[in-house]
């Protein structure tokens, strides 16, 4: 990097290391113009041609029916364009599988700037499978001894079907495929949705769900609209969930189950694989039909390679954060309030890099890294006012992930406690306390959280009952799905380490220290009365959700993590 460029970047508030990381990311997602100038252009060109062939094969376009743009009623001769026509652009990306280059991928997408999305009647929301539902599916497959398979719908948005009476869409072809007649561009009439269209995701979701429910006879969950199941002819169940165009299914491997996947393949053309990778962040290791480990190894490796310099040369980090992270955060808050000095160029660069770094960390928490939930939650509290101390804490968390990229959640039908049970805890503080909860099934956590409470608790009992109510709401979500899948459940045990909270969850006791607690924080009491949940006291040292509320020393951290992860261990990595 030249000296003049380095100086310009510095005075703009961007340091060279950040620019280098951004430049490397641009190489994986270049613009069409940069792709044409790169040595990989033949591969990009092949990817673009493959995408156009997708559009032709799925009936999205018919180039023989292209019409001149000036034939449309909204044609403006002065601007030489019609207002109802949108542009199609290229989005190029290098795709990786398990951290290894897989293919060069091109997508023809709508230019969002040329779309009219202010129509109040336009519905754009499209559900996606929750990470908790995905983990519940993995755990349920272990309990039942089902095989797991992942599948990807090829060009899913192009398989969506417009509703009757929908507005006709016209589009200008992407670069490299534009044609003209007497200087007037030829435009395409789109017969199916296209990637980037505001409601394309919703149209695809509705098309898929309609086929699964009305044609194939599946039942849709009331708790997660992306979870479906069907009772097969042999009496077994076929369970699946979908995240946009990626699906995962659990079945007994029978011919009837294969027929269901074949029916989906015939309708939408899917690529079926044995479960090993899902959504770019979930590594699935099937030790047997009754034991599966879920980790984020490949994602962590890509993340640390981008954000850490020489990650292998860093000091050993045995825990995601040090105990001083709370003091560092409070110092950041005080520094923001004082605002005694104007930010330097280095601070401006940190305000760009820090949110990106923490955002990458946040993405891996719901996948499988509950061990980092508390640390990353604290890091996320100061996205707009980072300090060098908090940036160093983010680097330490990434170093921990790099050194423990193999760590994950292991679901085992033979675990000592395979039934649904939960823990909740809170760290009572002078400000907003932190709630932590973990819900286990098949021996490992399927749901967990570490969140600041919405209001200040005036006592430990109040903080604990608030955390217990949050955990209780999550428990009801899992109980609902399991009951839909045919389980007859006993009341779920919720372990709390505060005797006052345990008593408050059972009886409507009123005293000056509890009568002010809002009703929404006493939801757990209603569920206990209904027989859905049993709240039991557990010693603080045995409350495994403690690791989700505060930084712990290595011994306590490993003890709780081993219990929540299904036997995972970090001890062999050493300490610091």
Protein backbone atom coordinates (compact mmCIF):
# COMPACT_ATOMS: atom_id res chain seq x y z
CA UNK A 1 0.00 0.00 0.00
CA UNK A 2 1.57 3.30 -1.12
CA UNK A 3 2.45 6.06 1.29
CA UNK A 4 0.11 8.61 -0.34
CA UNK A 5 -2.82 6.21 -0.13
CA UNK A 6 -1.97 5.39 3.48
CA UNK A 7 -1.93 9.11 4.37
CA UNK A 8 -5.28 9.72 2.66
CA UNK A 9 -6.79 6.76 4.50
CA UNK A 10 -5.40 8.00 7.82
CA UNK A 11 -6.83 11.50 7.41
CA UNK A 12 -10.16 9.92 6.44
CA UNK A 13 -10.22 7.97 9.69
CA UNK A 14 -9.41 4.58 8.14
CA UNK A 15 -6.25 2.69 9.00
CA UNK A 16 -4.34 0.48 6.60
CA UNK A 17 -5.22 -2.79 8.32
CA UNK A 18 -8.95 -2.08 8.07
CA UNK A 19 -8.58 -1.10 4.42
CA UNK A 20 -6.67 -4.30 3.71
CA UNK A 21 -9.42 -6.39 5.33
CA UNK A 22 -12.07 -4.54 3.32
CA UNK A 23 -10.07 -4.97 0.12
CA UNK A 24 -9.80 -8.72 0.75
CA UNK A 25 -13.57 -8.88 1.28
CA UNK A 26 -14.05 -7.01 -2.04
CA UNK A 27 -12.05 -9.71 -3.81
CA UNK A 28 -14.67 -12.25 -2.69
CA UNK A 29 -17.57 -9.96 -3.69
CA UNK A 30 -16.34 -7.82 -6.60
CA UNK A 31 -18.39 -5.49 -8.73
CA UNK A 32 -19.11 -6.56 -12.32
CA UNK A 33 -16.55 -4.07 -13.62
CA UNK A 34 -13.83 -5.33 -11.26
CA UNK A 35 -14.68 -8.92 -12.13
CA UNK A 36 -14.17 -8.20 -15.84
CA UNK A 37 -10.74 -6.78 -15.09
CA UNK A 38 -9.67 -9.64 -12.81
CA UNK A 39 -7.75 -12.76 -13.87
CA UNK A 40 -10.75 -14.82 -12.72
CA UNK A 41 -13.05 -13.27 -15.33
CA UNK A 42 -13.53 -16.56 -17.27
CA UNK A 43 -14.90 -18.14 -14.06
CA UNK A 44 -17.11 -15.15 -13.32
CA UNK A 45 -18.34 -15.15 -16.92
CA UNK A 46 -19.21 -18.82 -16.64
CA UNK A 47 -21.12 -18.09 -13.42
CA UNK A 48 -23.07 -15.26 -15.10
CA UNK A 49 -23.98 -17.48 -18.03
CA UNK A 50 -25.12 -20.18 -15.62
CA UNK A 51 -27.41 -17.69 -13.90
CA UNK A 52 -28.94 -16.56 -17.19
CA UNK A 53 -29.51 -20.22 -18.04
CA UNK A 54 -31.30 -20.55 -14.69
CA UNK A 55 -33.60 -17.69 -15.65
CA UNK A 56 -34.32 -19.35 -18.99
CA UNK A 57 -34.84 -22.82 -17.52
CA UNK A 58 -37.23 -21.61 -14.83
CA UNK A 59 -39.26 -19.56 -17.29
CA UNK A 60 -38.39 -16.25 -15.63
CA UNK A 61 -37.42 -14.70 -18.97
CA UNK A 62 -38.03 -15.40 -22.64
CA UNK A 63 -35.52 -13.44 -24.71
CA UNK A 64 -37.53 -14.12 -27.83
CA UNK A 65 -40.37 -12.10 -26.32
CA UNK A 66 -38.23 -9.09 -25.40
CA UNK A 67 -39.89 -5.81 -26.40
CA UNK A 68 -38.50 -2.30 -27.03
CA UNK A 69 -38.84 -0.12 -23.97
CA UNK A 70 -40.55 2.66 -25.90
CA UNK A 71 -43.59 0.43 -26.43
CA UNK A 72 -44.57 0.75 -22.76
CA UNK A 73 -47.15 3.38 -21.79
CA UNK A 74 -44.81 5.02 -19.26
CA UNK A 75 -42.06 5.68 -21.83
CA UNK A 76 -40.62 9.20 -21.47
CA UNK A 77 -38.86 10.35 -24.68
CA UNK A 78 -36.91 13.08 -22.86
CA UNK A 79 -35.43 10.62 -20.36
CA UNK A 80 -35.43 7.76 -22.88
CA UNK A 81 -36.75 5.32 -20.30
CA UNK A 82 -40.02 3.96 -18.91
CA UNK A 83 -40.71 4.49 -15.23
CA UNK A 84 -42.22 1.02 -14.72
CA UNK A 85 -39.01 -0.77 -15.80
CA UNK A 86 -36.44 -1.79 -13.19
CA UNK A 87 -32.74 -2.48 -13.67
CA UNK A 88 -31.16 -5.90 -13.19
CA UNK A 89 -27.65 -5.92 -11.73
CA UNK A 90 -25.05 -8.57 -11.00
CA UNK A 91 -24.13 -9.65 -7.47
CA UNK A 92 -20.95 -11.72 -7.54
CA UNK A 93 -19.57 -13.76 -4.66
CA UNK A 94 -16.97 -16.42 -4.00
CA UNK A 95 -18.69 -19.18 -2.05
CA UNK A 96 -16.83 -21.29 0.52
CA UNK A 97 -17.69 -24.71 1.94
CA UNK A 98 -16.03 -25.71 5.23
CA UNK A 99 -13.61 -22.81 4.71
CA UNK A 100 -12.50 -24.03 1.25
CA UNK A 101 -13.35 -22.26 -2.01
CA UNK A 102 -16.39 -24.01 -3.46
CA UNK A 103 -17.46 -22.01 -6.51
CA UNK A 104 -17.86 -18.62 -8.13
CA UNK A 105 -21.48 -17.57 -7.83
CA UNK A 106 -23.42 -14.92 -9.77
CA UNK A 107 -26.93 -13.66 -9.09
CA UNK A 108 -29.04 -11.46 -11.35
CA UNK A 109 -30.92 -9.21 -8.92
CA UNK A 110 -33.27 -6.26 -8.95
CA UNK A 111 -31.74 -2.83 -8.45
CA UNK A 112 -33.44 -1.72 -5.26
CA UNK A 113 -33.12 1.94 -6.22
CA UNK A 114 -35.48 1.48 -9.17
CA UNK A 115 -38.23 -0.34 -7.23
CA UNK A 116 -41.36 1.25 -5.85
CA UNK A 117 -41.65 -0.22 -2.38
CA UNK A 118 -43.74 2.51 -0.71
CA UNK A 119 -47.00 0.85 -1.68
CA UNK A 120 -48.79 0.18 1.66
CA UNK A 121 -50.45 -2.90 0.17
CA UNK A 122 -47.09 -4.53 -0.61
CA UNK A 123 -46.38 -7.40 1.81
CA UNK A 124 -42.69 -8.24 2.11
CA UNK A 125 -42.34 -10.20 5.36
CA UNK A 126 -41.12 -13.78 4.94
CA UNK A 127 -40.54 -16.10 7.93
CA UNK A 128 -37.27 -17.96 8.43
CA UNK A 129 -36.56 -20.91 10.70
CA UNK A 130 -35.37 -19.92 14.19
CA UNK A 131 -31.99 -21.21 15.31
CA UNK A 132 -33.69 -22.70 18.38
CA UNK A 133 -36.05 -24.66 16.14
CA UNK A 134 -33.10 -25.98 14.17
CA UNK A 135 -31.35 -27.17 17.34
CA UNK A 136 -34.58 -28.74 18.60
CA UNK A 137 -34.86 -30.63 15.32
CA UNK A 138 -31.29 -31.93 15.70
CA UNK A 139 -31.96 -33.01 19.30
CA UNK A 140 -35.26 -34.65 18.38
CA UNK A 141 -33.55 -36.58 15.58
CA UNK A 142 -31.07 -37.92 18.15
CA UNK A 143 -33.86 -38.96 20.50
CA UNK A 144 -35.68 -40.81 17.69
CA UNK A 145 -32.58 -42.18 15.95
CA UNK A 146 -33.47 -40.40 12.69
CA UNK A 147 -31.03 -39.60 9.94
CA UNK A 148 -30.37 -35.95 9.11
CA UNK A 149 -30.21 -34.58 5.59
CA UNK A 150 -29.74 -31.03 4.35
CA UNK A 151 -30.95 -29.76 1.02
CA UNK A 152 -30.70 -26.61 -1.01
CA UNK A 153 -33.32 -25.37 -3.48
CA UNK A 154 -31.63 -24.26 -6.69
CA UNK A 155 -32.58 -20.69 -7.62
CA UNK A 156 -35.43 -20.77 -5.12
CA UNK A 157 -36.82 -17.29 -5.76
CA UNK A 158 -37.26 -18.15 -9.43
CA UNK A 159 -39.60 -20.99 -8.38
CA UNK A 160 -42.05 -18.58 -6.77
CA UNK A 161 -45.43 -18.09 -8.43
CA UNK A 162 -47.11 -14.71 -8.84
CA UNK A 163 -50.66 -14.51 -7.56
CA UNK A 164 -53.44 -13.99 -10.04
CA UNK A 165 -53.87 -10.33 -10.91
CA UNK A 166 -50.32 -9.36 -9.90
CA UNK A 167 -48.76 -6.39 -11.72
CA UNK A 168 -46.65 -7.25 -14.78
CA UNK A 169 -42.95 -6.61 -14.18
CA UNK A 170 -40.53 -5.39 -16.84
CA UNK A 171 -36.76 -5.26 -16.39
CA UNK A 172 -33.64 -4.15 -18.25
CA UNK A 173 -31.20 -7.07 -18.70
CA UNK A 174 -27.98 -7.10 -16.64
CA UNK A 175 -24.63 -5.93 -18.06
CA UNK A 176 -23.33 -8.22 -20.74
CA UNK A 177 -26.82 -9.18 -21.96
CA UNK A 178 -28.30 -5.85 -23.00
CA UNK A 179 -29.53 -5.51 -26.58
CA UNK A 180 -30.78 -2.47 -28.53
CA UNK A 181 -32.98 -1.82 -31.55
CA UNK A 182 -32.41 1.59 -33.14
CA UNK A 183 -30.89 2.78 -29.87
CA UNK A 184 -33.92 1.66 -27.83
CA UNK A 185 -33.15 -1.02 -25.19
CA UNK A 186 -34.96 -4.34 -25.34
CA UNK A 187 -36.53 -5.27 -22.02
CA UNK A 188 -37.67 -8.53 -20.44
CA UNK A 189 -41.12 -9.35 -19.13
CA UNK A 190 -40.56 -11.28 -15.90
CA UNK A 191 -42.78 -14.29 -15.43
CA UNK A 192 -41.49 -15.25 -11.97
CA UNK A 193 -39.98 -13.25 -9.08
CA UNK A 194 -36.31 -12.33 -9.16
CA UNK A 195 -33.72 -12.02 -6.41
CA UNK A 196 -33.74 -8.53 -4.96
CA UNK A 197 -37.42 -7.96 -5.64
CA UNK A 198 -38.98 -6.55 -2.48
CA UNK A 199 -41.55 -9.33 -2.06
CA UNK A 200 -39.67 -12.16 -3.79
CA UNK A 201 -38.90 -13.90 -0.50
CA UNK A 202 -42.53 -13.84 0.55
CA UNK A 203 -43.71 -15.14 -2.82
CA UNK A 204 -41.22 -18.03 -2.66
CA UNK A 205 -42.17 -18.89 0.94
CA UNK A 206 -45.88 -18.91 0.12
CA UNK A 207 -45.25 -21.09 -2.94
CA UNK A 208 -43.24 -23.64 -0.96
CA UNK A 209 -45.63 -23.75 1.99
CA UNK A 210 -48.63 -24.09 -0.30
CA UNK A 211 -47.04 -27.11 -1.98
CA UNK A 212 -46.04 -28.76 1.30
CA UNK A 213 -49.40 -28.27 3.03
CA UNK A 214 -51.92 -28.60 0.25
CA UNK A 215 -50.17 -31.01 -2.11
CA UNK A 216 -48.00 -33.15 0.19
CA UNK A 217 -50.23 -33.05 3.27
CA UNK A 218 -47.71 -31.70 5.80
CA UNK A 219 -48.71 -30.02 9.07
CA UNK A 220 -47.29 -26.59 9.89
CA UNK A 221 -46.19 -25.73 13.41
CA UNK A 222 -48.10 -23.01 15.23
CA UNK A 223 -44.89 -21.99 17.01
CA UNK A 224 -42.54 -21.74 14.02
CA UNK A 225 -44.13 -21.41 10.56
CA UNK A 226 -40.99 -22.81 8.93
CA UNK A 227 -41.26 -26.16 10.76
CA UNK A 228 -43.39 -28.90 9.17
CA UNK A 229 -43.95 -32.61 9.62
CA UNK A 230 -45.92 -35.46 8.15
CA UNK A 231 -46.87 -38.93 9.37
CA UNK A 232 -45.67 -41.37 6.71
CA UNK A 233 -47.41 -44.50 5.51
CA UNK A 234 -45.22 -46.61 7.82
CA UNK A 235 -46.33 -44.64 10.90
CA UNK A 236 -43.05 -42.74 11.26
CA UNK A 237 -42.65 -38.97 10.97
CA UNK A 238 -40.85 -36.85 8.40
CA UNK A 239 -39.82 -33.55 10.02
CA UNK A 240 -38.27 -30.63 8.19
CA UNK A 241 -37.62 -26.93 8.55
CA UNK A 242 -36.65 -24.38 5.93
CA UNK A 243 -34.57 -21.22 6.07
CA UNK A 244 -35.34 -19.38 2.80
CA UNK A 245 -33.88 -21.87 0.29
CA UNK A 246 -31.99 -24.14 2.71
CA UNK A 247 -33.74 -27.04 4.38
CA UNK A 248 -32.90 -29.74 6.90
CA UNK A 249 -34.97 -32.87 7.41
CA UNK A 250 -35.06 -35.74 9.91
CA UNK A 251 -36.54 -39.09 8.99
CA UNK A 252 -36.16 -42.83 9.53
CA UNK A 253 -34.48 -43.41 6.15
CA UNK A 254 -37.40 -45.42 4.83
CA UNK A 255 -38.60 -45.51 1.24
CA UNK A 256 -41.59 -43.40 2.25
CA UNK A 257 -39.23 -40.67 3.54
CA UNK A 258 -37.18 -40.82 0.34
CA UNK A 259 -40.39 -40.40 -1.64
CA UNK A 260 -41.13 -37.15 0.19
CA UNK A 261 -37.74 -35.68 -0.71
CA UNK A 262 -38.14 -36.90 -4.27
CA UNK A 263 -41.49 -35.11 -4.49
CA UNK A 264 -39.87 -31.86 -3.29
CA UNK A 265 -37.03 -32.39 -5.75
CA UNK A 266 -39.44 -32.98 -8.64
CA UNK A 267 -41.31 -29.77 -7.87
CA UNK A 268 -38.43 -27.43 -6.99
CA UNK A 269 -35.18 -29.23 -7.91
CA UNK A 270 -33.16 -29.56 -4.72
CA UNK A 271 -29.61 -30.71 -3.98
CA UNK A 272 -29.72 -33.31 -1.20
CA UNK A 273 -26.70 -33.92 1.02
CA UNK A 274 -25.97 -35.83 4.18
CA UNK A 275 -26.04 -33.37 7.06
CA UNK A 276 -22.63 -31.79 7.55
CA UNK A 277 -23.11 -28.05 7.03
CA UNK A 278 -26.08 -25.69 7.31
CA UNK A 279 -26.49 -21.93 6.80
CA UNK A 280 -22.76 -21.24 6.65
CA UNK A 281 -22.41 -21.33 10.43
CA UNK A 282 -23.43 -24.81 11.54
CA UNK A 283 -21.05 -27.75 11.25
CA UNK A 284 -23.00 -30.97 11.87
CA UNK A 285 -21.03 -34.03 12.96
CA UNK A 286 -23.12 -37.20 13.14
CA UNK A 287 -21.26 -39.65 15.42
CA UNK A 288 -24.26 -41.97 15.14
CA UNK A 289 -28.01 -41.68 14.66
CA UNK A 290 -28.36 -41.05 18.40
CA UNK A 291 -25.42 -38.65 18.90
CA UNK A 292 -24.77 -35.44 16.95
CA UNK A 293 -22.44 -32.49 17.58
CA UNK A 294 -23.28 -29.01 16.35
CA UNK A 295 -20.40 -26.51 16.07
CA UNK A 296 -19.38 -23.37 14.17
CA UNK A 297 -15.84 -24.38 13.27
CA UNK A 298 -15.73 -23.25 9.62
CA UNK A 299 -17.40 -19.92 10.35
CA UNK A 300 -15.07 -19.19 13.26
CA UNK A 301 -12.03 -19.94 11.11
CA UNK A 302 -13.18 -17.54 8.39
CA UNK A 303 -14.06 -14.86 10.93
CA UNK A 304 -10.78 -14.95 12.82
CA UNK A 305 -8.78 -15.06 9.57
CA UNK A 306 -10.43 -11.80 8.59
CA UNK A 307 -10.31 -9.87 11.86
CA UNK A 308 -7.23 -11.17 13.71
CA UNK A 309 -3.62 -10.66 12.71
CA UNK A 310 -1.61 -13.85 13.24
CA UNK A 311 -4.30 -15.60 15.32
CA UNK A 312 -2.07 -18.64 15.89
CA UNK A 313 0.59 -16.47 17.55
CA UNK A 314 -1.69 -15.00 20.20
CA UNK A 315 -1.58 -15.85 23.88
CA UNK A 316 -3.82 -18.65 25.08
CA UNK A 317 -7.33 -17.57 26.10
CA UNK A 318 -9.18 -20.17 28.17
CA UNK A 319 -12.33 -18.10 28.67
CA UNK A 320 -14.11 -15.69 26.32
CA UNK A 321 -13.56 -12.69 28.58
CA UNK A 322 -11.70 -11.57 31.65
CA UNK A 323 -13.43 -10.44 34.82
CA UNK A 324 -12.52 -6.82 34.13
CA UNK A 325 -14.81 -6.64 31.07
CA UNK A 326 -17.58 -5.16 33.22
CA UNK A 327 -15.26 -2.42 34.48
CA UNK A 328 -14.05 -1.80 30.91
CA UNK A 329 -17.64 -1.39 29.75
CA UNK A 330 -18.48 0.98 32.61
CA UNK A 331 -15.38 2.97 31.70
CA UNK A 332 -16.60 3.22 28.11
CA UNK A 333 -19.95 4.53 29.35
CA UNK A 334 -18.25 7.14 31.53
CA UNK A 335 -16.01 8.19 28.66
CA UNK A 336 -19.02 8.67 26.40
CA UNK A 337 -20.78 10.79 29.03
CA UNK A 338 -17.77 13.01 29.59
CA UNK A 339 -17.01 13.54 25.86
CA UNK A 340 -14.07 15.68 26.92
CA UNK A 341 -12.11 15.38 23.69
CA UNK A 342 -12.82 15.11 19.97
CA UNK A 343 -12.27 11.65 18.47
CA UNK A 344 -8.92 11.00 16.82
CA UNK A 345 -8.49 9.31 13.46
CA UNK A 346 -7.71 6.02 15.19
CA UNK A 347 -10.98 6.32 17.16
CA UNK A 348 -12.88 6.92 13.92
CA UNK A 349 -11.36 3.77 12.45
CA UNK A 350 -12.32 1.82 15.57
CA UNK A 351 -15.91 3.03 15.29
CA UNK A 352 -16.00 1.43 11.84
CA UNK A 353 -14.15 -1.79 12.63
CA UNK A 354 -15.52 -2.54 16.10
CA UNK A 355 -19.23 -2.87 15.12
CA UNK A 356 -18.22 -5.08 12.20
CA UNK A 357 -16.14 -7.27 14.48
CA UNK A 358 -18.84 -7.58 17.15
CA UNK A 359 -21.48 -8.22 14.50
CA UNK A 360 -19.46 -11.17 13.24
CA UNK A 361 -19.22 -12.47 16.81
CA UNK A 362 -22.96 -12.09 17.40
CA UNK A 363 -23.76 -14.28 14.41
CA UNK A 364 -22.11 -17.36 15.88
CA UNK A 365 -23.81 -17.19 19.31
CA UNK A 366 -27.26 -18.56 18.38
CA UNK A 367 -25.68 -21.22 16.17
CA UNK A 368 -23.80 -23.12 18.88
CA UNK A 369 -21.50 -20.85 20.92
CA UNK A 370 -23.37 -20.37 24.18
CA UNK A 371 -20.00 -20.13 25.93
CA UNK A 372 -19.53 -16.67 24.40
CA UNK A 373 -23.09 -15.39 24.86
CA UNK A 374 -22.36 -13.25 27.93
CA UNK A 375 -19.06 -11.82 26.67
CA UNK A 376 -20.48 -10.88 23.27
CA UNK A 377 -23.58 -9.42 24.92
CA UNK A 378 -21.39 -7.01 26.88
CA UNK A 379 -19.34 -6.16 23.78
CA UNK A 380 -22.54 -5.33 21.89
CA UNK A 381 -23.58 -2.74 24.48
CA UNK A 382 -21.07 -0.16 23.25
CA UNK A 383 -21.21 -0.50 19.47
CA UNK A 384 -21.41 3.28 19.01
CA UNK A 385 -18.80 4.25 21.60
CA UNK A 386 -16.02 1.63 21.59
CA UNK A 387 -12.80 2.09 23.51
CA UNK A 388 -9.39 0.44 23.09
CA UNK A 389 -10.17 -1.70 26.15
CA UNK A 390 -13.42 -3.00 24.65
CA UNK A 391 -11.73 -3.55 21.29
CA UNK A 392 -9.07 -5.61 23.07
CA UNK A 393 -11.85 -7.59 24.78
CA UNK A 394 -13.39 -8.31 21.36
CA UNK A 395 -10.02 -9.53 20.12
CA UNK A 396 -9.69 -11.77 23.17
CA UNK A 397 -13.12 -13.27 22.51
CA UNK A 398 -12.13 -13.95 18.91
CA UNK A 399 -8.86 -15.48 20.08
CA UNK A 400 -10.78 -17.77 22.40
CA UNK A 401 -13.05 -18.83 19.55
CA UNK A 402 -10.06 -19.44 17.29
CA UNK A 403 -8.34 -21.61 19.88
CA UNK A 404 -11.57 -23.50 20.66
CA UNK A 405 -13.19 -23.63 17.23
CA UNK A 406 -13.99 -27.32 17.76
CA UNK A 407 -16.25 -26.63 20.74
CA UNK A 408 -19.97 -27.15 20.21
CA UNK A 409 -23.17 -28.74 21.47
CA UNK A 410 -23.44 -32.54 21.59
CA UNK A 411 -26.93 -34.03 21.64
CA UNK A 412 -27.07 -37.63 22.84
CA UNK A 413 -30.14 -39.78 23.40
CA UNK A 414 -28.19 -41.75 26.02
CA UNK A 415 -27.35 -38.69 28.14
CA UNK A 416 -28.17 -38.93 31.88
CA UNK A 417 -30.93 -36.30 31.53
CA UNK A 418 -32.42 -36.38 28.02
CA UNK A 419 -35.75 -34.82 29.03
CA UNK A 420 -36.57 -31.11 28.70
CA UNK A 421 -35.34 -29.07 31.69
CA UNK A 422 -33.99 -25.57 32.24
CA UNK A 423 -31.91 -23.22 34.39
CA UNK A 424 -32.24 -19.48 34.96
CA UNK A 425 -30.11 -17.00 36.85
CA UNK A 426 -29.43 -13.30 37.21
CA UNK A 427 -26.57 -11.14 38.40
CA UNK A 428 -28.18 -8.49 40.54
CA UNK A 429 -26.42 -5.15 40.15
CA UNK A 430 -27.02 -1.48 40.88
CA UNK A 431 -28.05 -0.93 37.26
CA UNK A 432 -29.87 -3.19 34.86
CA UNK A 433 -29.17 -6.78 35.78
CA UNK A 434 -28.37 -9.52 33.27
CA UNK A 435 -30.70 -12.48 32.84
CA UNK A 436 -29.32 -15.82 31.77
CA UNK A 437 -31.18 -19.01 30.95
CA UNK A 438 -30.48 -22.33 29.29
CA UNK A 439 -33.00 -24.96 28.19
CA UNK A 440 -31.68 -28.49 27.66
CA UNK A 441 -33.01 -31.41 25.64
CA UNK A 442 -31.20 -34.63 24.68
CA UNK A 443 -28.38 -33.67 27.03
CA UNK A 444 -27.42 -30.25 25.64
CA UNK A 445 -28.81 -26.73 25.31
CA UNK A 446 -31.35 -26.08 22.57
CA UNK A 447 -32.17 -22.58 23.77
CA UNK A 448 -30.17 -20.06 25.78
CA UNK A 449 -29.85 -16.35 26.28
CA UNK A 450 -27.91 -13.64 28.06
CA UNK A 451 -29.75 -10.32 28.06
CA UNK A 452 -29.92 -7.15 30.06
CA UNK A 453 -33.18 -6.77 31.92
CA UNK A 454 -35.52 -4.05 30.74
CA UNK A 455 -35.89 -2.42 34.15
CA UNK A 456 -33.83 -2.02 37.29
CA UNK A 457 -34.48 -4.75 39.85
CA UNK A 458 -34.67 -3.58 43.46
CA UNK A 459 -33.68 -6.93 44.95
CA UNK A 460 -32.09 -10.24 44.04
CA UNK A 461 -35.51 -11.90 44.23
CA UNK A 462 -36.94 -9.47 41.71
CA UNK A 463 -33.98 -9.96 39.35
CA UNK A 464 -34.28 -13.74 39.63
CA UNK A 465 -38.05 -13.84 39.03
CA UNK A 466 -37.59 -11.67 35.94
CA UNK A 467 -35.01 -14.12 34.59
CA UNK A 468 -37.22 -17.09 35.47
CA UNK A 469 -40.17 -15.60 33.59
CA UNK A 470 -38.04 -15.08 30.49
CA UNK A 471 -36.91 -18.69 30.71
CA UNK A 472 -40.50 -19.86 31.24
CA UNK A 473 -41.65 -18.20 28.02
CA UNK A 474 -38.92 -20.01 26.09
CA UNK A 475 -39.84 -23.29 27.77
CA UNK A 476 -43.43 -22.96 26.58
CA UNK A 477 -42.21 -22.49 23.01
CA UNK A 478 -40.26 -25.77 23.13
CA UNK A 479 -43.05 -27.60 24.96
CA UNK A 480 -45.50 -26.49 22.29
CA UNK A 481 -43.40 -27.86 19.44
CA UNK A 482 -42.69 -31.15 21.21
CA UNK A 483 -46.38 -31.63 21.95
CA UNK A 484 -47.16 -30.97 18.29
CA UNK A 485 -44.69 -33.72 17.43
CA UNK A 486 -46.62 -36.18 19.58
CA UNK A 487 -44.81 -36.02 22.93
CA UNK A 488 -46.71 -36.34 26.19
CA UNK A 489 -44.70 -34.14 28.53
CA UNK A 490 -44.47 -34.01 32.28
CA UNK A 491 -44.11 -30.55 33.81
CA UNK A 492 -40.74 -29.05 32.86
CA UNK A 493 -38.38 -28.44 35.76
CA UNK A 494 -36.88 -24.94 35.94
CA UNK A 495 -33.96 -24.61 38.35
CA UNK A 496 -33.48 -21.31 40.17
CA UNK A 497 -30.88 -20.57 42.84
CA UNK A 498 -32.90 -17.95 44.75
CA UNK A 499 -35.29 -19.28 47.38
CA UNK A 500 -37.35 -16.08 47.38
CA UNK A 501 -37.94 -16.37 43.62
CA UNK A 502 -38.92 -20.02 44.02
CA UNK A 503 -41.52 -19.13 46.65
CA UNK A 504 -42.77 -16.14 44.66
CA UNK A 505 -43.32 -18.37 41.63
CA UNK A 506 -45.65 -20.63 43.64
CA UNK A 507 -47.74 -18.28 45.79
CA UNK A 508 -49.17 -14.81 45.42
CA UNK A 509 -47.31 -13.42 48.37
CA UNK A 510 -47.44 -9.66 48.74
CA UNK A 511 -44.96 -7.61 50.68
CA UNK A 512 -43.35 -4.24 50.28
CA UNK A 513 -40.38 -5.76 48.42
CA UNK A 514 -42.40 -7.68 45.82
CA UNK A 515 -45.80 -6.08 45.38
CA UNK A 516 -44.47 -3.59 42.79
CA UNK A 517 -43.23 -6.30 40.38
CA UNK A 518 -45.02 -6.05 37.05
CA UNK A 519 -47.39 -8.83 36.00
CA UNK A 520 -45.38 -9.71 32.91
CA UNK A 521 -42.48 -10.71 35.14
CA UNK A 522 -44.73 -13.11 37.02
CA UNK A 523 -45.66 -15.20 33.98
CA UNK A 524 -43.81 -18.10 35.54
CA UNK A 525 -46.35 -18.13 38.42
CA UNK A 526 -49.22 -18.67 35.96
CA UNK A 527 -47.37 -21.51 34.23
CA UNK A 528 -46.63 -23.16 37.56
CA UNK A 529 -50.31 -22.95 38.49
CA UNK A 530 -51.24 -24.53 35.14
CA UNK A 531 -48.90 -27.45 35.76
CA UNK A 532 -46.66 -26.66 32.80
CA UNK A 533 -43.56 -25.84 34.85
CA UNK A 534 -42.15 -26.81 38.23
CA UNK A 535 -39.70 -24.34 39.77
CA UNK A 536 -37.09 -25.97 41.99
CA UNK A 537 -34.28 -24.55 44.05
CA UNK A 538 -30.71 -25.41 43.13
CA UNK A 539 -27.46 -24.43 44.81
CA UNK A 540 -25.75 -21.46 43.17
CA UNK A 541 -22.70 -23.58 42.40
CA UNK A 542 -24.93 -26.04 40.52
CA UNK A 543 -26.88 -23.43 38.53
CA UNK A 544 -25.35 -23.86 35.09
CA UNK A 545 -26.90 -20.68 33.68
CA UNK A 546 -24.52 -18.72 35.94
CA UNK A 547 -22.02 -18.59 33.05
CA UNK A 548 -24.57 -16.56 31.05
CA UNK A 549 -24.78 -13.74 33.61
CA UNK A 550 -21.22 -12.88 34.58
CA UNK A 551 -17.54 -13.58 33.80
CA UNK A 552 -16.25 -16.66 35.65
CA UNK A 553 -12.91 -18.20 36.49
CA UNK A 554 -11.80 -21.16 34.39
CA UNK A 555 -12.86 -23.94 36.79
CA UNK A 556 -16.44 -22.69 37.20
CA UNK A 557 -16.70 -21.75 33.53
CA UNK A 558 -15.68 -25.21 32.35
CA UNK A 559 -17.95 -26.95 34.87
CA UNK A 560 -21.03 -25.09 33.67
CA UNK A 561 -20.10 -25.28 30.01
CA UNK A 562 -19.57 -29.05 30.18
CA UNK A 563 -23.06 -29.45 31.65
CA UNK A 564 -24.76 -27.24 29.05
CA UNK A 565 -22.87 -28.44 25.98
CA UNK A 566 -23.38 -32.15 26.47
CA UNK A 567 -19.90 -32.98 27.74
CA UNK A 568 -17.70 -30.51 25.87
CA UNK A 569 -14.39 -29.58 27.49
CA UNK A 570 -11.97 -26.68 27.06
CA UNK A 571 -9.47 -27.66 29.76
CA UNK A 572 -6.91 -29.13 27.39
CA UNK A 573 -6.34 -25.73 25.84
CA UNK A 574 -4.51 -24.41 28.90
CA UNK A 575 -5.14 -21.33 30.99
CA UNK A 576 -4.21 -17.70 31.28
